[in-house]
């Protein structure tokens, strides 16, 4: 158990630092008018590493829902590697790409910081409030930006068909990235309210009305 806590502390700390780097690079990239080049590697490493969170759930290292974790991680991986990376010259210019990365970063920094602190002590109430409240504006912004990027790039995906697998092949398996992209876009329709209601439920579990009042009071004192 101590080994698991040490691992989760290191993982979450590294992830918080990684997403802080993504945010800093995004700010620089917007200023330099080259967002993709600025965030490319920090974003690829930070977001792809989140695949480990599915393994964490399956191994019982964390109590998060396997289904919701797979849904969120896989949608971001798809946007990153199938939508943004192959067509980065176009996607990097989209306002939706910049707001997407901004929403991801501002969501993940407090989330990972909260879980890192939670491995060594009980996080302070303000951190708990931030972790379970920041999603309210940021999740719709991020999901809408993801969908906008995917929708805008659909014609390019239709033409290039990145990562598509055609038959015949030894596995007798076919995969069309244009078809999967349309399916992914449609999944946002039920997926957004499902994930949002799930997070509202999580917030109700961890953020009590008394915590909200005490957080507001402390802000007034400060």
Protein backbone atom coordinates (compact mmCIF):
# COMPACT_ATOMS: atom_id res chain seq x y z
CA UNK A 1 0.00 0.00 0.00
CA UNK A 2 2.85 2.40 0.82
CA UNK A 3 4.45 1.58 -2.52
CA UNK A 4 1.17 2.32 -4.32
CA UNK A 5 0.82 5.65 -2.52
CA UNK A 6 4.41 6.57 -3.38
CA UNK A 7 3.81 5.69 -7.03
CA UNK A 8 0.56 7.67 -7.19
CA UNK A 9 2.23 10.64 -5.52
CA UNK A 10 5.02 10.64 -8.12
CA UNK A 11 2.61 10.07 -11.01
CA UNK A 12 0.22 12.85 -9.99
CA UNK A 13 3.03 15.26 -9.18
CA UNK A 14 4.66 14.64 -12.57
CA UNK A 15 1.28 15.05 -14.29
CA UNK A 16 0.58 18.34 -12.50
CA UNK A 17 4.00 19.64 -13.56
CA UNK A 18 3.45 18.38 -17.10
CA UNK A 19 0.11 20.15 -17.47
CA UNK A 20 1.57 23.31 -15.94
CA UNK A 21 4.18 23.16 -18.69
CA UNK A 22 1.43 22.68 -21.28
CA UNK A 23 -0.37 25.78 -19.97
CA UNK A 24 2.81 27.85 -20.00
CA UNK A 25 3.64 26.68 -23.51
CA UNK A 26 0.10 27.48 -24.67
CA UNK A 27 0.36 31.04 -23.39
CA UNK A 28 3.68 31.45 -25.19
CA UNK A 29 2.30 29.80 -28.33
CA UNK A 30 -0.71 32.11 -28.48
CA UNK A 31 1.61 35.09 -28.06
CA UNK A 32 3.95 33.76 -30.78
CA UNK A 33 1.01 32.75 -33.02
CA UNK A 34 2.19 29.12 -33.19
CA UNK A 35 0.20 27.23 -30.57
CA UNK A 36 0.77 23.73 -31.93
CA UNK A 37 4.56 23.93 -32.08
CA UNK A 38 4.63 25.42 -28.59
CA UNK A 39 2.51 22.74 -26.91
CA UNK A 40 3.13 19.70 -29.15
CA UNK A 41 5.50 17.57 -27.08
CA UNK A 42 4.40 18.62 -23.62
CA UNK A 43 0.78 17.99 -24.65
CA UNK A 44 1.53 14.63 -26.29
CA UNK A 45 3.44 13.35 -23.26
CA UNK A 46 1.04 14.70 -20.62
CA UNK A 47 -2.15 13.52 -22.32
CA UNK A 48 -0.86 10.16 -23.55
CA UNK A 49 0.42 9.36 -20.05
CA UNK A 50 -3.20 9.55 -18.90
CA UNK A 51 -3.70 6.09 -20.46
CA UNK A 52 -2.08 4.83 -17.25
CA UNK A 53 -5.17 6.00 -15.37
CA UNK A 54 -7.22 3.26 -17.04
CA UNK A 55 -4.68 0.77 -15.70
CA UNK A 56 -4.88 2.39 -12.26
CA UNK A 57 -8.64 1.77 -12.23
CA UNK A 58 -8.34 -1.81 -13.44
CA UNK A 59 -5.71 -2.60 -10.80
CA UNK A 60 -7.74 -1.00 -8.03
CA UNK A 61 -5.12 1.64 -7.27
CA UNK A 62 -7.82 4.33 -7.43
CA UNK A 63 -11.57 4.28 -6.87
CA UNK A 64 -12.52 6.04 -10.11
CA UNK A 65 -15.07 4.52 -12.47
CA UNK A 66 -13.42 2.42 -15.18
CA UNK A 67 -16.10 3.32 -17.74
CA UNK A 68 -15.97 7.10 -17.21
CA UNK A 69 -12.16 7.02 -17.17
CA UNK A 70 -12.02 5.09 -20.46
CA UNK A 71 -14.57 7.45 -22.02
CA UNK A 72 -12.71 10.62 -21.08
CA UNK A 73 -9.17 9.40 -21.74
CA UNK A 74 -10.02 7.74 -25.07
CA UNK A 75 -11.84 10.82 -26.38
CA UNK A 76 -8.86 13.03 -25.65
CA UNK A 77 -6.39 10.53 -27.10
CA UNK A 78 -8.48 10.38 -30.26
CA UNK A 79 -8.60 14.16 -30.59
CA UNK A 80 -4.86 14.44 -29.98
CA UNK A 81 -3.54 11.65 -32.21
CA UNK A 82 -6.19 11.28 -34.93
CA UNK A 83 -7.41 14.87 -35.25
CA UNK A 84 -4.74 17.30 -34.06
CA UNK A 85 -1.45 15.56 -34.84
CA UNK A 86 -2.02 14.54 -38.49
CA UNK A 87 -3.55 17.91 -39.35
CA UNK A 88 -1.66 20.17 -36.97
CA UNK A 89 -1.04 22.87 -39.60
CA UNK A 90 -4.79 23.45 -39.76
CA UNK A 91 -5.82 22.53 -36.21
CA UNK A 92 -3.13 24.66 -34.59
CA UNK A 93 -4.75 27.75 -36.08
CA UNK A 94 -8.21 26.99 -34.70
CA UNK A 95 -9.45 29.03 -31.75
CA UNK A 96 -11.16 25.81 -30.63
CA UNK A 97 -7.77 24.08 -30.34
CA UNK A 98 -6.47 26.80 -28.06
CA UNK A 99 -9.57 26.84 -25.87
CA UNK A 100 -9.48 23.03 -25.74
CA UNK A 101 -5.89 22.93 -24.47
CA UNK A 102 -6.66 25.78 -22.07
CA UNK A 103 -9.64 23.90 -20.63
CA UNK A 104 -7.67 20.65 -20.37
CA UNK A 105 -4.78 22.37 -18.60
CA UNK A 106 -6.87 24.34 -16.13
CA UNK A 107 -8.81 21.18 -15.30
CA UNK A 108 -5.84 18.87 -14.91
CA UNK A 109 -3.45 21.04 -12.90
CA UNK A 110 -5.68 21.27 -9.80
CA UNK A 111 -6.92 17.70 -10.28
CA UNK A 112 -3.48 16.14 -10.28
CA UNK A 113 -2.25 18.47 -7.53
CA UNK A 114 -5.23 17.42 -5.40
CA UNK A 115 -4.51 13.71 -5.90
CA UNK A 116 -0.79 14.18 -5.26
CA UNK A 117 -1.44 15.96 -1.95
CA UNK A 118 -4.05 13.32 -1.11
CA UNK A 119 -1.37 10.62 -1.03
CA UNK A 120 0.40 12.26 1.92
CA UNK A 121 -2.32 14.20 3.76
CA UNK A 122 -5.93 15.33 3.54
CA UNK A 123 -6.11 18.12 0.94
CA UNK A 124 -7.26 21.50 2.26
CA UNK A 125 -10.91 22.43 1.71
CA UNK A 126 -10.09 25.11 -0.85
CA UNK A 127 -8.22 22.54 -2.95
CA UNK A 128 -11.10 20.08 -2.70
CA UNK A 129 -13.52 22.80 -3.74
CA UNK A 130 -11.32 23.78 -6.70
CA UNK A 131 -10.84 20.20 -7.82
CA UNK A 132 -14.57 19.45 -7.79
CA UNK A 133 -15.81 22.84 -9.02
CA UNK A 134 -13.49 23.92 -11.84
CA UNK A 135 -15.06 21.39 -14.20
CA UNK A 136 -18.37 23.28 -14.23
CA UNK A 137 -17.25 25.90 -16.78
CA UNK A 138 -14.18 24.04 -18.08
CA UNK A 139 -15.69 20.68 -19.02
CA UNK A 140 -18.33 22.13 -21.39
CA UNK A 141 -15.67 24.43 -22.86
CA UNK A 142 -13.27 21.54 -23.39
CA UNK A 143 -15.87 19.16 -24.83
CA UNK A 144 -17.31 21.82 -27.16
CA UNK A 145 -13.81 22.70 -28.34
CA UNK A 146 -12.98 19.04 -28.95
CA UNK A 147 -16.15 18.56 -30.98
CA UNK A 148 -15.49 21.76 -32.93
CA UNK A 149 -11.96 20.64 -33.82
CA UNK A 150 -13.21 17.22 -34.90
CA UNK A 151 -16.09 18.61 -36.95
CA UNK A 152 -13.88 21.16 -38.71
CA UNK A 153 -11.26 18.55 -39.62
CA UNK A 154 -13.75 15.93 -40.89
CA UNK A 155 -13.21 16.84 -44.57
CA UNK A 156 -9.44 16.39 -44.13
CA UNK A 157 -9.93 13.06 -42.36
CA UNK A 158 -12.25 11.94 -45.16
CA UNK A 159 -9.57 12.70 -47.72
CA UNK A 160 -6.48 11.41 -45.89
CA UNK A 161 -8.02 8.57 -43.81
CA UNK A 162 -5.16 8.57 -41.22
CA UNK A 163 -4.55 5.29 -39.38
CA UNK A 164 -7.15 3.49 -41.51
CA UNK A 165 -6.68 -0.25 -42.04
CA UNK A 166 -7.87 -1.77 -45.27
CA UNK A 167 -8.65 -5.34 -46.23
CA UNK A 168 -7.42 -7.79 -47.24
CA UNK A 169 -4.88 -8.25 -44.44
CA UNK A 170 -3.66 -11.11 -42.25
CA UNK A 171 -5.92 -10.05 -39.38
CA UNK A 172 -9.00 -9.87 -41.61
CA UNK A 173 -9.80 -6.55 -39.95
CA UNK A 174 -10.74 -3.14 -41.37
CA UNK A 175 -10.87 0.28 -39.74
CA UNK A 176 -11.93 3.53 -41.37
CA UNK A 177 -10.85 6.63 -39.44
CA UNK A 178 -13.48 8.77 -41.19
CA UNK A 179 -16.26 6.46 -39.99
CA UNK A 180 -14.80 6.31 -36.45
CA UNK A 181 -14.52 10.12 -36.44
CA UNK A 182 -18.21 10.51 -37.27
CA UNK A 183 -19.06 8.01 -34.52
CA UNK A 184 -16.81 9.87 -32.09
CA UNK A 185 -18.53 13.14 -32.93
CA UNK A 186 -21.96 11.61 -32.33
CA UNK A 187 -20.82 10.18 -28.97
CA UNK A 188 -20.44 13.73 -27.66
CA UNK A 189 -24.24 14.13 -27.75
CA UNK A 190 -24.95 11.58 -24.98
CA UNK A 191 -21.41 11.63 -23.60
CA UNK A 192 -21.35 15.26 -22.45
CA UNK A 193 -24.48 15.13 -20.25
CA UNK A 194 -23.46 11.70 -18.92
CA UNK A 195 -19.98 12.85 -17.88
CA UNK A 196 -21.24 16.17 -16.56
CA UNK A 197 -23.90 14.53 -14.39
CA UNK A 198 -21.27 12.05 -13.17
CA UNK A 199 -19.00 14.91 -12.07
CA UNK A 200 -21.91 16.75 -10.46
CA UNK A 201 -22.49 13.58 -8.43
CA UNK A 202 -18.82 13.45 -7.47
CA UNK A 203 -18.93 17.09 -6.41
CA UNK A 204 -21.97 16.47 -4.20
CA UNK A 205 -20.07 13.62 -2.55
CA UNK A 206 -16.89 15.56 -1.78
CA UNK A 207 -17.98 19.20 -1.51
CA UNK A 208 -20.49 19.80 1.27
CA UNK A 209 -22.45 23.07 1.64
CA UNK A 210 -20.47 23.83 4.79
CA UNK A 211 -17.23 23.57 2.80
CA UNK A 212 -18.54 26.05 0.24
CA UNK A 213 -19.50 28.51 2.99
CA UNK A 214 -16.15 28.15 4.74
CA UNK A 215 -14.27 28.61 1.46
CA UNK A 216 -16.26 31.77 0.69
CA UNK A 217 -15.65 33.06 4.20
CA UNK A 218 -11.92 32.49 3.98
CA UNK A 219 -11.82 34.39 0.68
CA UNK A 220 -13.57 37.34 2.34
CA UNK A 221 -11.09 37.31 5.19
CA UNK A 222 -8.16 37.19 2.78
